[in-house]
């Protein structure tokens, strides 16, 4: 059972549905594995908990 994890910002329900559908379809196309086999987890991550280039994402977004 292939698994896809996405860590990112809070999304409304429609965007979550679209993201899950898009990830599943593209992964299925590229791997040849049936869409029904894929599991997708969407995990909300706050900017205060993410580092990019050695800096907190929250600080980068302030600039």
PDB file of N, CA and C in Angstrom:
ATOM      1  N   UNK A   1       0.845  -1.162   0.000  1.00  0.00           N
ATOM      2  CA  UNK A   1       0.000   0.000   0.000  1.00  0.00           C
ATOM      3  C   UNK A   1       0.899   1.236   0.000  1.00  0.00           C
ATOM      4  N   UNK A   2       1.066   1.887  -1.137  1.00  0.00           N
ATOM      5  CA  UNK A   2       1.882   3.090  -1.218  1.00  0.00           C
ATOM      6  C   UNK A   2       1.249   4.213  -0.387  1.00  0.00           C
ATOM      7  N   UNK A   3       2.101   4.971   0.284  1.00  0.00           N
ATOM      8  CA  UNK A   3       1.625   6.021   1.174  1.00  0.00           C
ATOM      9  C   UNK A   3       2.288   7.343   0.818  1.00  0.00           C
ATOM     10  N   UNK A   4       1.490   8.401   0.771  1.00  0.00           N
ATOM     11  CA  UNK A   4       1.977   9.751   0.481  1.00  0.00           C
ATOM     12  C   UNK A   4       1.680  10.620   1.693  1.00  0.00           C
ATOM     13  N   UNK A   5       2.712  11.325   2.185  1.00  0.00           N
ATOM     14  CA  UNK A   5       2.542  12.268   3.287  1.00  0.00           C
ATOM     15  C   UNK A   5       2.761  13.679   2.764  1.00  0.00           C
ATOM     16  N   UNK A   6       1.872  14.592   3.132  1.00  0.00           N
ATOM     17  CA  UNK A   6       2.021  15.997   2.782  1.00  0.00           C
ATOM     18  C   UNK A   6       1.956  16.804   4.063  1.00  0.00           C
ATOM     19  N   UNK A   7       3.002  17.556   4.338  1.00  0.00           N
ATOM     20  CA  UNK A   7       3.048  18.441   5.490  1.00  0.00           C
ATOM     21  C   UNK A   7       2.943  19.867   4.966  1.00  0.00           C
ATOM     22  N   UNK A   8       1.944  20.608   5.423  1.00  0.00           N
ATOM     23  CA  UNK A   8       1.765  21.950   4.902  1.00  0.00           C
ATOM     24  C   UNK A   8       0.741  22.738   5.688  1.00  0.00           C
ATOM     25  N   UNK A   9       0.291  23.840   5.106  1.00  0.00           N
ATOM     26  CA  UNK A   9      -0.638  24.728   5.808  1.00  0.00           C
ATOM     27  C   UNK A   9      -2.041  24.143   5.899  1.00  0.00           C
ATOM     28  N   UNK A  10      -2.845  24.751   6.750  1.00  0.00           N
ATOM     29  CA  UNK A  10      -4.258  24.386   6.862  1.00  0.00           C
ATOM     30  C   UNK A  10      -4.946  24.666   5.530  1.00  0.00           C
ATOM     31  N   UNK A  11      -5.753  23.715   5.071  1.00  0.00           N
ATOM     32  CA  UNK A  11      -6.483  23.863   3.820  1.00  0.00           C
ATOM     33  C   UNK A  11      -7.963  23.608   4.077  1.00  0.00           C
ATOM     34  N   UNK A  12      -8.816  24.276   3.308  1.00  0.00           N
ATOM     35  CA  UNK A  12     -10.243  23.992   3.459  1.00  0.00           C
ATOM     36  C   UNK A  12     -10.535  22.618   2.843  1.00  0.00           C
ATOM     37  N   UNK A  13     -11.718  22.107   3.107  1.00  0.00           N
ATOM     38  CA  UNK A  13     -12.077  20.742   2.704  1.00  0.00           C
ATOM     39  C   UNK A  13     -11.997  20.544   1.191  1.00  0.00           C
ATOM     40  N   UNK A  14     -12.395  21.526   0.412  1.00  0.00           N
ATOM     41  CA  UNK A  14     -12.345  21.386  -1.044  1.00  0.00           C
ATOM     42  C   UNK A  14     -10.907  21.268  -1.538  1.00  0.00           C
ATOM     43  N   UNK A  15     -10.011  22.061  -0.988  1.00  0.00           N
ATOM     44  CA  UNK A  15      -8.605  21.990  -1.393  1.00  0.00           C
ATOM     45  C   UNK A  15      -7.974  20.675  -0.949  1.00  0.00           C
ATOM     46  N   UNK A  16      -8.364  20.176   0.221  1.00  0.00           N
ATOM     47  CA  UNK A  16      -7.848  18.878   0.677  1.00  0.00           C
ATOM     48  C   UNK A  16      -8.284  17.766  -0.262  1.00  0.00           C
ATOM     49  N   UNK A  17      -9.551  17.793  -0.669  1.00  0.00           N
ATOM     50  CA  UNK A  17     -10.052  16.779  -1.610  1.00  0.00           C
ATOM     51  C   UNK A  17      -9.294  16.840  -2.929  1.00  0.00           C
ATOM     52  N   UNK A  18      -9.091  18.054  -3.432  1.00  0.00           N
ATOM     53  CA  UNK A  18      -8.387  18.219  -4.700  1.00  0.00           C
ATOM     54  C   UNK A  18      -6.933  17.762  -4.602  1.00  0.00           C
ATOM     55  N   UNK A  19      -6.269  18.084  -3.495  1.00  0.00           N
ATOM     56  CA  UNK A  19      -4.877  17.681  -3.308  1.00  0.00           C
ATOM     57  C   UNK A  19      -4.755  16.167  -3.239  1.00  0.00           C
ATOM     58  N   UNK A  20      -5.615  15.532  -2.485  1.00  0.00           N
ATOM     59  CA  UNK A  20      -5.595  14.071  -2.376  1.00  0.00           C
ATOM     60  C   UNK A  20      -5.842  13.424  -3.734  1.00  0.00           C
ATOM     61  N   UNK A  21      -6.814  13.929  -4.463  1.00  0.00           N
ATOM     62  CA  UNK A  21      -7.118  13.396  -5.788  1.00  0.00           C
ATOM     63  C   UNK A  21      -5.935  13.568  -6.736  1.00  0.00           C
ATOM     64  N   UNK A  22      -5.347  14.754  -6.737  1.00  0.00           N
ATOM     65  CA  UNK A  22      -4.217  15.035  -7.632  1.00  0.00           C
ATOM     66  C   UNK A  22      -3.009  14.170  -7.323  1.00  0.00           C
ATOM     67  N   UNK A  23      -2.660  14.078  -6.028  1.00  0.00           N
ATOM     68  CA  UNK A  23      -1.521  13.236  -5.632  1.00  0.00           C
ATOM     69  C   UNK A  23      -1.754  11.796  -6.064  1.00  0.00           C
ATOM     70  N   UNK A  24      -2.951  11.299  -5.789  1.00  0.00           N
ATOM     71  CA  UNK A  24      -3.273   9.903  -6.093  1.00  0.00           C
ATOM     72  C   UNK A  24      -3.206   9.627  -7.586  1.00  0.00           C
ATOM     73  N   UNK A  25      -3.819  10.478  -8.391  1.00  0.00           N
ATOM     74  CA  UNK A  25      -3.826  10.272  -9.842  1.00  0.00           C
ATOM     75  C   UNK A  25      -2.423  10.293 -10.426  1.00  0.00           C
ATOM     76  N   UNK A  26      -1.621  11.289 -10.041  1.00  0.00           N
ATOM     77  CA  UNK A  26      -0.273  11.407 -10.608  1.00  0.00           C
ATOM     78  C   UNK A  26       0.609  10.249 -10.157  1.00  0.00           C
ATOM     79  N   UNK A  27       0.541   9.878  -8.888  1.00  0.00           N
ATOM     80  CA  UNK A  27       1.352   8.762  -8.395  1.00  0.00           C
ATOM     81  C   UNK A  27       0.958   7.464  -9.106  1.00  0.00           C
ATOM     82  N   UNK A  28      -0.325   7.273  -9.350  1.00  0.00           N
ATOM     83  CA  UNK A  28      -0.795   6.090 -10.057  1.00  0.00           C
ATOM     84  C   UNK A  28      -0.273   6.070 -11.489  1.00  0.00           C
ATOM     85  N   UNK A  29      -0.358   7.222 -12.166  1.00  0.00           N
ATOM     86  CA  UNK A  29       0.152   7.319 -13.544  1.00  0.00           C
ATOM     87  C   UNK A  29       1.635   6.977 -13.615  1.00  0.00           C
ATOM     88  N   UNK A  30       2.411   7.520 -12.690  1.00  0.00           N
ATOM     89  CA  UNK A  30       3.864   7.346 -12.747  1.00  0.00           C
ATOM     90  C   UNK A  30       4.338   5.968 -12.314  1.00  0.00           C
ATOM     91  N   UNK A  31       3.584   5.328 -11.417  1.00  0.00           N
ATOM     92  CA  UNK A  31       4.017   4.030 -10.904  1.00  0.00           C
ATOM     93  C   UNK A  31       3.325   2.842 -11.557  1.00  0.00           C
ATOM     94  N   UNK A  32       2.158   3.089 -12.163  1.00  0.00           N
ATOM     95  CA  UNK A  32       1.389   1.980 -12.724  1.00  0.00           C
ATOM     96  C   UNK A  32       0.615   1.212 -11.666  1.00  0.00           C
ATOM     97  N   UNK A  33       0.555   1.743 -10.454  1.00  0.00           N
ATOM     98  CA  UNK A  33      -0.195   1.109  -9.368  1.00  0.00           C
ATOM     99  C   UNK A  33      -1.602   1.704  -9.356  1.00  0.00           C
ATOM    100  N   UNK A  34      -2.606   0.856  -9.136  1.00  0.00           N
ATOM    101  CA  UNK A  34      -3.993   1.322  -9.111  1.00  0.00           C
ATOM    102  C   UNK A  34      -4.196   2.406  -8.056  1.00  0.00           C
ATOM    103  N   UNK A  35      -5.018   3.389  -8.387  1.00  0.00           N
ATOM    104  CA  UNK A  35      -5.307   4.491  -7.467  1.00  0.00           C
ATOM    105  C   UNK A  35      -5.843   3.990  -6.122  1.00  0.00           C
ATOM    106  N   UNK A  36      -6.623   2.935  -6.150  1.00  0.00           N
ATOM    107  CA  UNK A  36      -7.240   2.407  -4.931  1.00  0.00           C
ATOM    108  C   UNK A  36      -6.216   1.940  -3.905  1.00  0.00           C
ATOM    109  N   UNK A  37      -4.988   1.703  -4.328  1.00  0.00           N
ATOM    110  CA  UNK A  37      -3.954   1.218  -3.414  1.00  0.00           C
ATOM    111  C   UNK A  37      -3.304   2.340  -2.604  1.00  0.00           C
ATOM    112  N   UNK A  38      -3.453   3.589  -3.044  1.00  0.00           N
ATOM    113  CA  UNK A  38      -2.749   4.704  -2.408  1.00  0.00           C
ATOM    114  C   UNK A  38      -3.469   5.217  -1.166  1.00  0.00           C
ATOM    115  N   UNK A  39      -2.668   5.562  -0.178  1.00  0.00           N
ATOM    116  CA  UNK A  39      -3.152   6.218   1.034  1.00  0.00           C
ATOM    117  C   UNK A  39      -2.440   7.567   1.098  1.00  0.00           C
ATOM    118  N   UNK A  40      -3.207   8.639   1.339  1.00  0.00           N
ATOM    119  CA  UNK A  40      -2.642   9.981   1.406  1.00  0.00           C
ATOM    120  C   UNK A  40      -2.961  10.579   2.777  1.00  0.00           C
ATOM    121  N   UNK A  41      -1.927  11.056   3.451  1.00  0.00           N
ATOM    122  CA  UNK A  41      -2.089  11.741   4.733  1.00  0.00           C
ATOM    123  C   UNK A  41      -1.750  13.208   4.550  1.00  0.00           C
ATOM    124  N   UNK A  42      -2.647  14.075   4.988  1.00  0.00           N
ATOM    125  CA  UNK A  42      -2.384  15.508   4.983  1.00  0.00           C
ATOM    126  C   UNK A  42      -2.160  15.922   6.434  1.00  0.00           C
ATOM    127  N   UNK A  43      -0.997  16.473   6.703  1.00  0.00           N
ATOM    128  CA  UNK A  43      -0.648  16.887   8.059  1.00  0.00           C
ATOM    129  C   UNK A  43      -0.430  18.384   8.098  1.00  0.00           C
ATOM    130  N   UNK A  44      -1.177  19.062   8.947  1.00  0.00           N
ATOM    131  CA  UNK A  44      -1.015  20.503   9.075  1.00  0.00           C
ATOM    132  C   UNK A  44       0.262  20.799   9.861  1.00  0.00           C
ATOM    133  N   UNK A  45       1.039  21.736   9.364  1.00  0.00           N
ATOM    134  CA  UNK A  45       2.273  22.139  10.014  1.00  0.00           C
ATOM    135  C   UNK A  45       2.278  23.654  10.160  1.00  0.00           C
ATOM    136  N   UNK A  46       2.470  24.120  11.371  1.00  0.00           N
ATOM    137  CA  UNK A  46       2.509  25.554  11.645  1.00  0.00           C
ATOM    138  C   UNK A  46       3.859  26.127  11.225  1.00  0.00           C
ATOM    139  N   UNK A  47       3.887  27.366  10.714  1.00  0.00           N
ATOM    140  CA  UNK A  47       5.148  27.997  10.292  1.00  0.00           C
ATOM    141  C   UNK A  47       6.189  28.081  11.413  1.00  0.00           C
ATOM    142  N   UNK A  48       5.748  28.076  12.665  1.00  0.00           N
ATOM    143  CA  UNK A  48       6.664  28.119  13.802  1.00  0.00           C
ATOM    144  C   UNK A  48       7.359  26.779  14.037  1.00  0.00           C
ATOM    145  N   UNK A  49       6.946  25.744  13.319  1.00  0.00           N
ATOM    146  CA  UNK A  49       7.511  24.412  13.487  1.00  0.00           C
ATOM    147  C   UNK A  49       8.289  23.944  12.262  1.00  0.00           C
ATOM    148  N   UNK A  50       8.564  24.868  11.335  1.00  0.00           N
ATOM    149  CA  UNK A  50       9.239  24.505  10.089  1.00  0.00           C
ATOM    150  C   UNK A  50      10.464  25.385   9.903  1.00  0.00           C
ATOM    151  N   UNK A  51      11.576  24.767   9.548  1.00  0.00           N
ATOM    152  CA  UNK A  51      12.786  25.513   9.231  1.00  0.00           C
ATOM    153  C   UNK A  51      13.099  25.414   7.756  1.00  0.00           C
ATOM    154  N   UNK A  52      13.469  26.553   7.150  1.00  0.00           N
ATOM    155  CA  UNK A  52      13.865  26.599   5.745  1.00  0.00           C
ATOM    156  C   UNK A  52      15.144  27.415   5.663  1.00  0.00           C
ATOM    157  N   UNK A  53      16.188  26.816   5.140  1.00  0.00           N
ATOM    158  CA  UNK A  53      17.447  27.540   5.002  1.00  0.00           C
ATOM    159  C   UNK A  53      18.028  27.990   6.335  1.00  0.00           C
ATOM    160  N   UNK A  54      17.763  27.216   7.375  1.00  0.00           N
ATOM    161  CA  UNK A  54      18.299  27.530   8.686  1.00  0.00           C
ATOM    162  C   UNK A  54      17.489  28.559   9.462  1.00  0.00           C
ATOM    163  N   UNK A  55      16.330  28.934   8.961  1.00  0.00           N
ATOM    164  CA  UNK A  55      15.488  29.926   9.627  1.00  0.00           C
ATOM    165  C   UNK A  55      14.081  29.371   9.799  1.00  0.00           C
ATOM    166  N   UNK A  56      13.380  29.882  10.820  1.00  0.00           N
ATOM    167  CA  UNK A  56      11.978  29.507  10.981  1.00  0.00           C
ATOM    168  C   UNK A  56      11.152  30.076   9.837  1.00  0.00           C
ATOM    169  N   UNK A  57      10.263  29.268   9.318  1.00  0.00           N
ATOM    170  CA  UNK A  57       9.380  29.716   8.245  1.00  0.00           C
ATOM    171  C   UNK A  57       8.550  30.923   8.695  1.00  0.00           C
ATOM    172  N   UNK A  58       8.157  30.957   9.956  1.00  0.00           N
ATOM    173  CA  UNK A  58       7.385  32.087  10.478  1.00  0.00           C
ATOM    174  C   UNK A  58       8.171  33.392  10.341  1.00  0.00           C
ATOM    175  N   UNK A  59       9.478  33.338  10.585  1.00  0.00           N
ATOM    176  CA  UNK A  59      10.316  34.531  10.454  1.00  0.00           C
ATOM    177  C   UNK A  59      10.494  34.924   8.993  1.00  0.00           C
ATOM    178  N   UNK A  60      10.621  33.953   8.127  1.00  0.00           N
ATOM    179  CA  UNK A  60      10.784  34.220   6.695  1.00  0.00           C
ATOM    180  C   UNK A  60       9.529  34.893   6.140  1.00  0.00           C
ATOM    181  N   UNK A  61       8.362  34.422   6.577  1.00  0.00           N
ATOM    182  CA  UNK A  61       7.092  34.961   6.090  1.00  0.00           C
ATOM    183  C   UNK A  61       6.876  36.402   6.535  1.00  0.00           C
ATOM    184  N   UNK A  62       7.533  36.824   7.610  1.00  0.00           N
ATOM    185  CA  UNK A  62       7.411  38.206   8.109  1.00  0.00           C
ATOM    186  C   UNK A  62       8.091  39.197   7.189  1.00  0.00           C
ATOM    187  N   UNK A  63       9.142  38.753   6.495  1.00  0.00           N
ATOM    188  CA  UNK A  63       9.931  39.661   5.632  1.00  0.00           C
ATOM    189  C   UNK A  63       9.207  40.083   4.392  1.00  0.00           C
TER     190      UNK A  63
END
